[in-house]
């Protein structure tokens, strides 16, 4: 599975930190990511969409993928991000 993602920036001209640069990808139903049901994926902090790839082993037609925040709010950071171009294809 591949997708493009980047953090939300409140003020792009500011040097203040962006929101948390991680997305949690969760496998619901059959399949795992590196033997686990979820994985944290690093995304771009620079208002540029970054291509990301996650390999889901053992997926079937019943598998669902969820994208979630890593935490609600922590150290002044929140979890807002942009997500685009989600593509799920069978392994070769």
PDB file of N, CA and C in Angstrom:
ATOM      1  N   UNK A   1       0.843  -1.156   0.000  1.00  0.00           N
ATOM      2  CA  UNK A   1       0.000   0.000   0.000  1.00  0.00           C
ATOM      3  C   UNK A   1       0.896   1.229   0.000  1.00  0.00           C
ATOM      4  N   UNK A   2       0.517   2.221  -0.781  1.00  0.00           N
ATOM      5  CA  UNK A   2       1.271   3.468  -0.782  1.00  0.00           C
ATOM      6  C   UNK A   2       0.303   4.641  -0.639  1.00  0.00           C
ATOM      7  N   UNK A   3       0.816   5.757  -0.142  1.00  0.00           N
ATOM      8  CA  UNK A   3       0.034   6.971   0.010  1.00  0.00           C
ATOM      9  C   UNK A   3       0.980   8.153   0.138  1.00  0.00           C
ATOM     10  N   UNK A   4       0.459   9.335  -0.081  1.00  0.00           N
ATOM     11  CA  UNK A   4       1.223  10.563   0.112  1.00  0.00           C
ATOM     12  C   UNK A   4       0.662  11.260   1.347  1.00  0.00           C
ATOM     13  N   UNK A   5       1.547  11.850   2.161  1.00  0.00           N
ATOM     14  CA  UNK A   5       1.091  12.520   3.378  1.00  0.00           C
ATOM     15  C   UNK A   5       2.050  13.624   3.782  1.00  0.00           C
ATOM     16  N   UNK A   6       1.516  14.607   4.501  1.00  0.00           N
ATOM     17  CA  UNK A   6       2.350  15.631   5.138  1.00  0.00           C
ATOM     18  C   UNK A   6       1.604  16.211   6.329  1.00  0.00           C
ATOM     19  N   UNK A   7       2.360  16.840   7.223  1.00  0.00           N
ATOM     20  CA  UNK A   7       1.792  17.458   8.425  1.00  0.00           C
ATOM     21  C   UNK A   7       1.016  18.715   8.090  1.00  0.00           C
ATOM     22  N   UNK A   8       0.137  19.061   8.975  1.00  0.00           N
ATOM     23  CA  UNK A   8      -0.544  20.350   8.951  1.00  0.00           C
ATOM     24  C   UNK A   8       0.394  21.381   9.545  1.00  0.00           C
ATOM     25  N   UNK A   9       0.481  22.541   8.915  1.00  0.00           N
ATOM     26  CA  UNK A   9       1.246  23.663   9.458  1.00  0.00           C
ATOM     27  C   UNK A   9       0.283  24.808   9.695  1.00  0.00           C
ATOM     28  N   UNK A  10       0.249  25.304  10.923  1.00  0.00           N
ATOM     29  CA  UNK A  10      -0.637  26.422  11.256  1.00  0.00           C
ATOM     30  C   UNK A  10      -0.209  27.682  10.526  1.00  0.00           C
ATOM     31  N   UNK A  11       1.108  27.938  10.527  1.00  0.00           N
ATOM     32  CA  UNK A  11       1.643  29.137   9.887  1.00  0.00           C
ATOM     33  C   UNK A  11       2.907  28.752   9.137  1.00  0.00           C
ATOM     34  N   UNK A  12       2.842  28.572   7.811  1.00  0.00           N
ATOM     35  CA  UNK A  12       4.006  28.111   7.056  1.00  0.00           C
ATOM     36  C   UNK A  12       5.189  29.064   7.083  1.00  0.00           C
ATOM     37  N   UNK A  13       4.963  30.338   7.419  1.00  0.00           N
ATOM     38  CA  UNK A  13       6.075  31.291   7.471  1.00  0.00           C
ATOM     39  C   UNK A  13       6.774  31.265   8.832  1.00  0.00           C
ATOM     40  N   UNK A  14       6.197  30.531   9.783  1.00  0.00           N
ATOM     41  CA  UNK A  14       6.757  30.465  11.127  1.00  0.00           C
ATOM     42  C   UNK A  14       7.777  29.336  11.234  1.00  0.00           C
ATOM     43  N   UNK A  15       8.693  29.467  12.188  1.00  0.00           N
ATOM     44  CA  UNK A  15       9.650  28.392  12.438  1.00  0.00           C
ATOM     45  C   UNK A  15       9.142  27.460  13.541  1.00  0.00           C
ATOM     46  N   UNK A  16       7.923  27.706  14.020  1.00  0.00           N
ATOM     47  CA  UNK A  16       7.334  26.848  15.046  1.00  0.00           C
ATOM     48  C   UNK A  16       7.127  25.441  14.488  1.00  0.00           C
ATOM     49  N   UNK A  17       7.154  24.472  15.402  1.00  0.00           N
ATOM     50  CA  UNK A  17       6.967  23.081  14.978  1.00  0.00           C
ATOM     51  C   UNK A  17       5.600  22.874  14.355  1.00  0.00           C
ATOM     52  N   UNK A  18       5.557  21.929  13.451  1.00  0.00           N
ATOM     53  CA  UNK A  18       4.290  21.531  12.838  1.00  0.00           C
ATOM     54  C   UNK A  18       3.578  20.569  13.786  1.00  0.00           C
ATOM     55  N   UNK A  19       2.480  20.016  13.357  1.00  0.00           N
ATOM     56  CA  UNK A  19       1.830  18.960  14.114  1.00  0.00           C
ATOM     57  C   UNK A  19       2.704  17.710  14.067  1.00  0.00           C
ATOM     58  N   UNK A  20       2.320  16.710  14.827  1.00  0.00           N
ATOM     59  CA  UNK A  20       3.101  15.482  14.925  1.00  0.00           C
ATOM     60  C   UNK A  20       3.343  14.861  13.548  1.00  0.00           C
ATOM     61  N   UNK A  21       4.604  14.584  13.208  1.00  0.00           N
ATOM     62  CA  UNK A  21       4.922  14.052  11.876  1.00  0.00           C
ATOM     63  C   UNK A  21       4.820  12.528  11.772  1.00  0.00           C
ATOM     64  N   UNK A  22       3.777  11.960  12.363  1.00  0.00           N
ATOM     65  CA  UNK A  22       3.555  10.520  12.278  1.00  0.00           C
ATOM     66  C   UNK A  22       2.072  10.237  12.040  1.00  0.00           C
ATOM     67  N   UNK A  23       1.808   9.162  11.343  1.00  0.00           N
ATOM     68  CA  UNK A  23       0.464   8.637  11.156  1.00  0.00           C
ATOM     69  C   UNK A  23       0.502   7.177  11.601  1.00  0.00           C
ATOM     70  N   UNK A  24      -0.545   6.758  12.282  1.00  0.00           N
ATOM     71  CA  UNK A  24      -0.660   5.353  12.656  1.00  0.00           C
ATOM     72  C   UNK A  24      -1.481   4.650  11.576  1.00  0.00           C
ATOM     73  N   UNK A  25      -0.924   3.580  11.004  1.00  0.00           N
ATOM     74  CA  UNK A  25      -1.627   2.757  10.017  1.00  0.00           C
ATOM     75  C   UNK A  25      -2.009   1.458  10.722  1.00  0.00           C
ATOM     76  N   UNK A  26      -3.303   1.141  10.692  1.00  0.00           N
ATOM     77  CA  UNK A  26      -3.832  -0.007  11.431  1.00  0.00           C
ATOM     78  C   UNK A  26      -4.455  -1.000  10.451  1.00  0.00           C
ATOM     79  N   UNK A  27      -4.116  -2.285  10.632  1.00  0.00           N
ATOM     80  CA  UNK A  27      -4.706  -3.358   9.828  1.00  0.00           C
ATOM     81  C   UNK A  27      -5.854  -3.962  10.631  1.00  0.00           C
ATOM     82  N   UNK A  28      -7.062  -3.907  10.066  1.00  0.00           N
ATOM     83  CA  UNK A  28      -8.244  -4.493  10.701  1.00  0.00           C
ATOM     84  C   UNK A  28      -8.602  -5.745   9.909  1.00  0.00           C
ATOM     85  N   UNK A  29      -8.646  -6.872  10.587  1.00  0.00           N
ATOM     86  CA  UNK A  29      -8.916  -8.140   9.911  1.00  0.00           C
ATOM     87  C   UNK A  29      -7.608  -8.826   9.544  1.00  0.00           C
ATOM     88  N   UNK A  30      -7.644  -9.698   8.536  1.00  0.00           N
ATOM     89  CA  UNK A  30      -6.452 -10.460   8.167  1.00  0.00           C
ATOM     90  C   UNK A  30      -5.304  -9.560   7.710  1.00  0.00           C
ATOM     91  N   UNK A  31      -4.084  -9.930   8.112  1.00  0.00           N
ATOM     92  CA  UNK A  31      -2.894  -9.228   7.668  1.00  0.00           C
ATOM     93  C   UNK A  31      -2.159  -8.523   8.790  1.00  0.00           C
ATOM     94  N   UNK A  32      -0.882  -8.261   8.542  1.00  0.00           N
ATOM     95  CA  UNK A  32      -0.044  -7.553   9.511  1.00  0.00           C
ATOM     96  C   UNK A  32       0.969  -6.680   8.772  1.00  0.00           C
ATOM     97  N   UNK A  33       1.509  -5.728   9.504  1.00  0.00           N
ATOM     98  CA  UNK A  33       2.613  -4.888   9.018  1.00  0.00           C
ATOM     99  C   UNK A  33       3.819  -5.259   9.870  1.00  0.00           C
ATOM    100  N   UNK A  34       4.805  -5.893   9.289  1.00  0.00           N
ATOM    101  CA  UNK A  34       5.980  -6.360  10.031  1.00  0.00           C
ATOM    102  C   UNK A  34       5.576  -7.182  11.265  1.00  0.00           C
ATOM    103  N   UNK A  35       4.574  -8.042  11.110  1.00  0.00           N
ATOM    104  CA  UNK A  35       4.135  -8.915  12.195  1.00  0.00           C
ATOM    105  C   UNK A  35       3.226  -8.249  13.218  1.00  0.00           C
ATOM    106  N   UNK A  36       2.907  -6.981  13.034  1.00  0.00           N
ATOM    107  CA  UNK A  36       2.065  -6.239  13.984  1.00  0.00           C
ATOM    108  C   UNK A  36       0.775  -5.789  13.303  1.00  0.00           C
ATOM    109  N   UNK A  37      -0.230  -5.446  14.090  1.00  0.00           N
ATOM    110  CA  UNK A  37      -1.496  -4.967  13.547  1.00  0.00           C
ATOM    111  C   UNK A  37      -1.470  -3.476  13.244  1.00  0.00           C
ATOM    112  N   UNK A  38      -0.450  -2.763  13.726  1.00  0.00           N
ATOM    113  CA  UNK A  38      -0.348  -1.336  13.421  1.00  0.00           C
ATOM    114  C   UNK A  38       1.107  -0.902  13.351  1.00  0.00           C
ATOM    115  N   UNK A  39       1.318   0.222  12.658  1.00  0.00           N
ATOM    116  CA  UNK A  39       2.668   0.771  12.510  1.00  0.00           C
ATOM    117  C   UNK A  39       2.573   2.290  12.476  1.00  0.00           C
ATOM    118  N   UNK A  40       3.602   2.944  13.016  1.00  0.00           N
ATOM    119  CA  UNK A  40       3.710   4.400  12.922  1.00  0.00           C
ATOM    120  C   UNK A  40       4.555   4.721  11.694  1.00  0.00           C
ATOM    121  N   UNK A  41       4.067   5.642  10.876  1.00  0.00           N
ATOM    122  CA  UNK A  41       4.751   6.019   9.642  1.00  0.00           C
ATOM    123  C   UNK A  41       5.156   7.486   9.730  1.00  0.00           C
ATOM    124  N   UNK A  42       6.442   7.766   9.511  1.00  0.00           N
ATOM    125  CA  UNK A  42       6.943   9.145   9.503  1.00  0.00           C
ATOM    126  C   UNK A  42       6.470   9.848   8.236  1.00  0.00           C
ATOM    127  N   UNK A  43       5.988  11.078   8.395  1.00  0.00           N
ATOM    128  CA  UNK A  43       5.544  11.849   7.251  1.00  0.00           C
ATOM    129  C   UNK A  43       6.315  13.162   7.195  1.00  0.00           C
ATOM    130  N   UNK A  44       6.161  13.895   6.127  1.00  0.00           N
ATOM    131  CA  UNK A  44       6.895  15.142   5.921  1.00  0.00           C
ATOM    132  C   UNK A  44       6.400  16.245   6.841  1.00  0.00           C
ATOM    133  N   UNK A  45       7.320  17.041   7.373  1.00  0.00           N
ATOM    134  CA  UNK A  45       6.984  18.184   8.214  1.00  0.00           C
ATOM    135  C   UNK A  45       7.039  19.491   7.433  1.00  0.00           C
ATOM    136  N   UNK A  46       7.351  19.449   6.175  1.00  0.00           N
ATOM    137  CA  UNK A  46       7.665  20.664   5.426  1.00  0.00           C
ATOM    138  C   UNK A  46       6.610  21.085   4.414  1.00  0.00           C
ATOM    139  N   UNK A  47       5.345  20.787   4.678  1.00  0.00           N
ATOM    140  CA  UNK A  47       4.253  21.155   3.774  1.00  0.00           C
ATOM    141  C   UNK A  47       4.446  20.597   2.369  1.00  0.00           C
ATOM    142  N   UNK A  48       5.132  19.504   2.272  1.00  0.00           N
ATOM    143  CA  UNK A  48       5.320  18.825   0.996  1.00  0.00           C
ATOM    144  C   UNK A  48       4.824  17.399   1.161  1.00  0.00           C
ATOM    145  N   UNK A  49       4.010  16.954   0.238  1.00  0.00           N
ATOM    146  CA  UNK A  49       3.523  15.585   0.311  1.00  0.00           C
ATOM    147  C   UNK A  49       4.691  14.616   0.136  1.00  0.00           C
ATOM    148  N   UNK A  50       4.793  13.666   1.038  1.00  0.00           N
ATOM    149  CA  UNK A  50       5.867  12.678   1.015  1.00  0.00           C
ATOM    150  C   UNK A  50       5.265  11.312   0.668  1.00  0.00           C
ATOM    151  N   UNK A  51       5.845  10.604  -0.319  1.00  0.00           N
ATOM    152  CA  UNK A  51       5.343   9.265  -0.614  1.00  0.00           C
ATOM    153  C   UNK A  51       5.730   8.297   0.508  1.00  0.00           C
ATOM    154  N   UNK A  52       4.785   7.487   0.938  1.00  0.00           N
ATOM    155  CA  UNK A  52       5.005   6.499   1.997  1.00  0.00           C
ATOM    156  C   UNK A  52       4.538   5.139   1.496  1.00  0.00           C
ATOM    157  N   UNK A  53       5.197   4.088   1.951  1.00  0.00           N
ATOM    158  CA  UNK A  53       4.836   2.730   1.557  1.00  0.00           C
ATOM    159  C   UNK A  53       4.776   1.845   2.794  1.00  0.00           C
ATOM    160  N   UNK A  54       3.751   1.015   2.867  1.00  0.00           N
ATOM    161  CA  UNK A  54       3.598   0.051   3.957  1.00  0.00           C
ATOM    162  C   UNK A  54       3.258  -1.295   3.320  1.00  0.00           C
ATOM    163  N   UNK A  55       3.987  -2.326   3.694  1.00  0.00           N
ATOM    164  CA  UNK A  55       3.705  -3.668   3.182  1.00  0.00           C
ATOM    165  C   UNK A  55       2.817  -4.410   4.176  1.00  0.00           C
ATOM    166  N   UNK A  56       1.650  -4.850   3.717  1.00  0.00           N
ATOM    167  CA  UNK A  56       0.711  -5.585   4.557  1.00  0.00           C
ATOM    168  C   UNK A  56       0.740  -7.045   4.108  1.00  0.00           C
ATOM    169  N   UNK A  57       1.290  -7.901   4.964  1.00  0.00           N
ATOM    170  CA  UNK A  57       1.400  -9.329   4.644  1.00  0.00           C
ATOM    171  C   UNK A  57       0.132 -10.054   5.084  1.00  0.00           C
ATOM    172  N   UNK A  58      -0.323 -11.002   4.267  1.00  0.00           N
ATOM    173  CA  UNK A  58      -1.469 -11.837   4.621  1.00  0.00           C
ATOM    174  C   UNK A  58      -2.819 -11.157   4.471  1.00  0.00           C
ATOM    175  N   UNK A  59      -2.886 -10.056   3.739  1.00  0.00           N
ATOM    176  CA  UNK A  59      -4.161  -9.358   3.538  1.00  0.00           C
ATOM    177  C   UNK A  59      -5.078 -10.162   2.622  1.00  0.00           C
ATOM    178  N   UNK A  60      -6.387 -10.007   2.846  1.00  0.00           N
ATOM    179  CA  UNK A  60      -7.387 -10.648   2.005  1.00  0.00           C
ATOM    180  C   UNK A  60      -8.425  -9.594   1.619  1.00  0.00           C
ATOM    181  N   UNK A  61      -9.472 -10.029   0.931  1.00  0.00           N
ATOM    182  CA  UNK A  61     -10.548  -9.104   0.558  1.00  0.00           C
ATOM    183  C   UNK A  61     -11.273  -8.562   1.792  1.00  0.00           C
ATOM    184  N   UNK A  62     -11.142  -9.215   2.938  1.00  0.00           N
ATOM    185  CA  UNK A  62     -11.786  -8.768   4.180  1.00  0.00           C
ATOM    186  C   UNK A  62     -10.923  -7.781   4.969  1.00  0.00           C
ATOM    187  N   UNK A  63      -9.717  -7.517   4.532  1.00  0.00           N
ATOM    188  CA  UNK A  63      -8.813  -6.611   5.243  1.00  0.00           C
ATOM    189  C   UNK A  63      -9.245  -5.160   5.047  1.00  0.00           C
ATOM    190  N   UNK A  64      -9.214  -4.408   6.121  1.00  0.00           N
ATOM    191  CA  UNK A  64      -9.479  -2.966   6.083  1.00  0.00           C
ATOM    192  C   UNK A  64      -8.262  -2.250   6.641  1.00  0.00           C
ATOM    193  N   UNK A  65      -7.972  -1.083   6.099  1.00  0.00           N
ATOM    194  CA  UNK A  65      -6.853  -0.262   6.566  1.00  0.00           C
ATOM    195  C   UNK A  65      -7.416   1.020   7.166  1.00  0.00           C
ATOM    196  N   UNK A  66      -6.946   1.379   8.355  1.00  0.00           N
ATOM    197  CA  UNK A  66      -7.351   2.618   9.011  1.00  0.00           C
ATOM    198  C   UNK A  66      -6.138   3.519   9.178  1.00  0.00           C
ATOM    199  N   UNK A  67      -6.348   4.814   9.025  1.00  0.00           N
ATOM    200  CA  UNK A  67      -5.331   5.818   9.311  1.00  0.00           C
ATOM    201  C   UNK A  67      -5.787   6.545  10.563  1.00  0.00           C
ATOM    202  N   UNK A  68      -4.897   6.687  11.538  1.00  0.00           N
ATOM    203  CA  UNK A  68      -5.289   7.267  12.817  1.00  0.00           C
ATOM    204  C   UNK A  68      -4.200   8.192  13.356  1.00  0.00           C
ATOM    205  N   UNK A  69      -4.604   9.082  14.257  1.00  0.00           N
ATOM    206  CA  UNK A  69      -3.644   9.914  14.973  1.00  0.00           C
ATOM    207  C   UNK A  69      -2.850   9.036  15.935  1.00  0.00           C
ATOM    208  N   UNK A  70      -1.605   9.409  16.182  1.00  0.00           N
ATOM    209  CA  UNK A  70      -0.774   8.681  17.135  1.00  0.00           C
ATOM    210  C   UNK A  70      -1.207   9.034  18.561  1.00  0.00           C
ATOM    211  N   UNK A  71      -1.549  10.296  18.801  1.00  0.00           N
ATOM    212  CA  UNK A  71      -2.073  10.752  20.085  1.00  0.00           C
ATOM    213  C   UNK A  71      -2.962  11.961  19.817  1.00  0.00           C
ATOM    214  N   UNK A  72      -3.811  12.303  20.763  1.00  0.00           N
ATOM    215  CA  UNK A  72      -4.710  13.443  20.575  1.00  0.00           C
ATOM    216  C   UNK A  72      -3.955  14.768  20.680  1.00  0.00           C
ATOM    217  N   UNK A  73      -3.198  14.951  21.750  1.00  0.00           N
ATOM    218  CA  UNK A  73      -2.388  16.154  21.918  1.00  0.00           C
ATOM    219  C   UNK A  73      -1.287  15.833  22.922  1.00  0.00           C
ATOM    220  N   UNK A  74      -0.059  16.247  22.592  1.00  0.00           N
ATOM    221  CA  UNK A  74       1.080  15.950  23.466  1.00  0.00           C
ATOM    222  C   UNK A  74       2.172  16.976  23.225  1.00  0.00           C
ATOM    223  N   UNK A  75       2.720  17.535  24.285  1.00  0.00           N
ATOM    224  CA  UNK A  75       3.795  18.530  24.189  1.00  0.00           C
ATOM    225  C   UNK A  75       3.454  19.675  23.247  1.00  0.00           C
ATOM    226  N   UNK A  76       2.196  20.075  23.246  1.00  0.00           N
ATOM    227  CA  UNK A  76       1.779  21.182  22.388  1.00  0.00           C
ATOM    228  C   UNK A  76       1.542  20.804  20.940  1.00  0.00           C
ATOM    229  N   UNK A  77       1.801  19.560  20.581  1.00  0.00           N
ATOM    230  CA  UNK A  77       1.573  19.111  19.203  1.00  0.00           C
ATOM    231  C   UNK A  77       0.239  18.390  19.106  1.00  0.00           C
ATOM    232  N   UNK A  78      -0.422  18.551  17.981  1.00  0.00           N
ATOM    233  CA  UNK A  78      -1.640  17.800  17.708  1.00  0.00           C
ATOM    234  C   UNK A  78      -1.385  16.893  16.509  1.00  0.00           C
ATOM    235  N   UNK A  79      -2.391  16.187  16.073  1.00  0.00           N
ATOM    236  CA  UNK A  79      -2.249  15.241  14.960  1.00  0.00           C
ATOM    237  C   UNK A  79      -3.194  15.594  13.835  1.00  0.00           C
ATOM    238  N   UNK A  80      -2.790  16.529  13.008  1.00  0.00           N
ATOM    239  CA  UNK A  80      -3.550  16.853  11.805  1.00  0.00           C
ATOM    240  C   UNK A  80      -2.604  16.654  10.641  1.00  0.00           C
ATOM    241  N   UNK A  81      -3.104  16.068   9.577  1.00  0.00           N
ATOM    242  CA  UNK A  81      -2.255  15.819   8.421  1.00  0.00           C
ATOM    243  C   UNK A  81      -3.104  15.746   7.173  1.00  0.00           C
ATOM    244  N   UNK A  82      -2.411  15.811   6.075  1.00  0.00           N
ATOM    245  CA  UNK A  82      -3.035  15.670   4.763  1.00  0.00           C
ATOM    246  C   UNK A  82      -2.690  14.280   4.244  1.00  0.00           C
ATOM    247  N   UNK A  83      -3.645  13.634   3.591  1.00  0.00           N
ATOM    248  CA  UNK A  83      -3.473  12.291   3.070  1.00  0.00           C
ATOM    249  C   UNK A  83      -4.054  12.261   1.660  1.00  0.00           C
ATOM    250  N   UNK A  84      -3.314  11.698   0.718  1.00  0.00           N
ATOM    251  CA  UNK A  84      -3.780  11.689  -0.674  1.00  0.00           C
ATOM    252  C   UNK A  84      -3.203  10.461  -1.382  1.00  0.00           C
ATOM    253  N   UNK A  85      -3.760  10.133  -2.519  1.00  0.00           N
ATOM    254  CA  UNK A  85      -3.238   9.112  -3.431  1.00  0.00           C
ATOM    255  C   UNK A  85      -3.038   7.737  -2.778  1.00  0.00           C
ATOM    256  N   UNK A  86      -4.009   7.312  -1.976  1.00  0.00           N
ATOM    257  CA  UNK A  86      -3.918   5.983  -1.360  1.00  0.00           C
ATOM    258  C   UNK A  86      -4.082   4.931  -2.456  1.00  0.00           C
ATOM    259  N   UNK A  87      -3.120   4.006  -2.517  1.00  0.00           N
ATOM    260  CA  UNK A  87      -3.120   2.965  -3.546  1.00  0.00           C
ATOM    261  C   UNK A  87      -2.821   1.621  -2.901  1.00  0.00           C
ATOM    262  N   UNK A  88      -3.717   0.687  -3.091  1.00  0.00           N
ATOM    263  CA  UNK A  88      -3.529  -0.654  -2.559  1.00  0.00           C
ATOM    264  C   UNK A  88      -3.446  -1.624  -3.734  1.00  0.00           C
ATOM    265  N   UNK A  89      -2.330  -2.317  -3.830  1.00  0.00           N
ATOM    266  CA  UNK A  89      -2.115  -3.259  -4.937  1.00  0.00           C
ATOM    267  C   UNK A  89      -1.580  -4.575  -4.391  1.00  0.00           C
ATOM    268  N   UNK A  90      -1.873  -5.680  -5.076  1.00  0.00           N
ATOM    269  CA  UNK A  90      -1.332  -6.962  -4.635  1.00  0.00           C
ATOM    270  C   UNK A  90       0.191  -7.016  -4.811  1.00  0.00           C
ATOM    271  N   UNK A  91       0.832  -7.737  -3.930  1.00  0.00           N
ATOM    272  CA  UNK A  91       2.298  -7.912  -4.025  1.00  0.00           C
ATOM    273  C   UNK A  91       2.634  -8.716  -5.261  1.00  0.00           C
ATOM    274  N   UNK A  92       3.817  -8.463  -5.804  1.00  0.00           N
ATOM    275  CA  UNK A  92       4.268  -9.194  -6.988  1.00  0.00           C
ATOM    276  C   UNK A  92       4.935 -10.472  -6.599  1.00  0.00           C
TER     277      UNK A  92
END
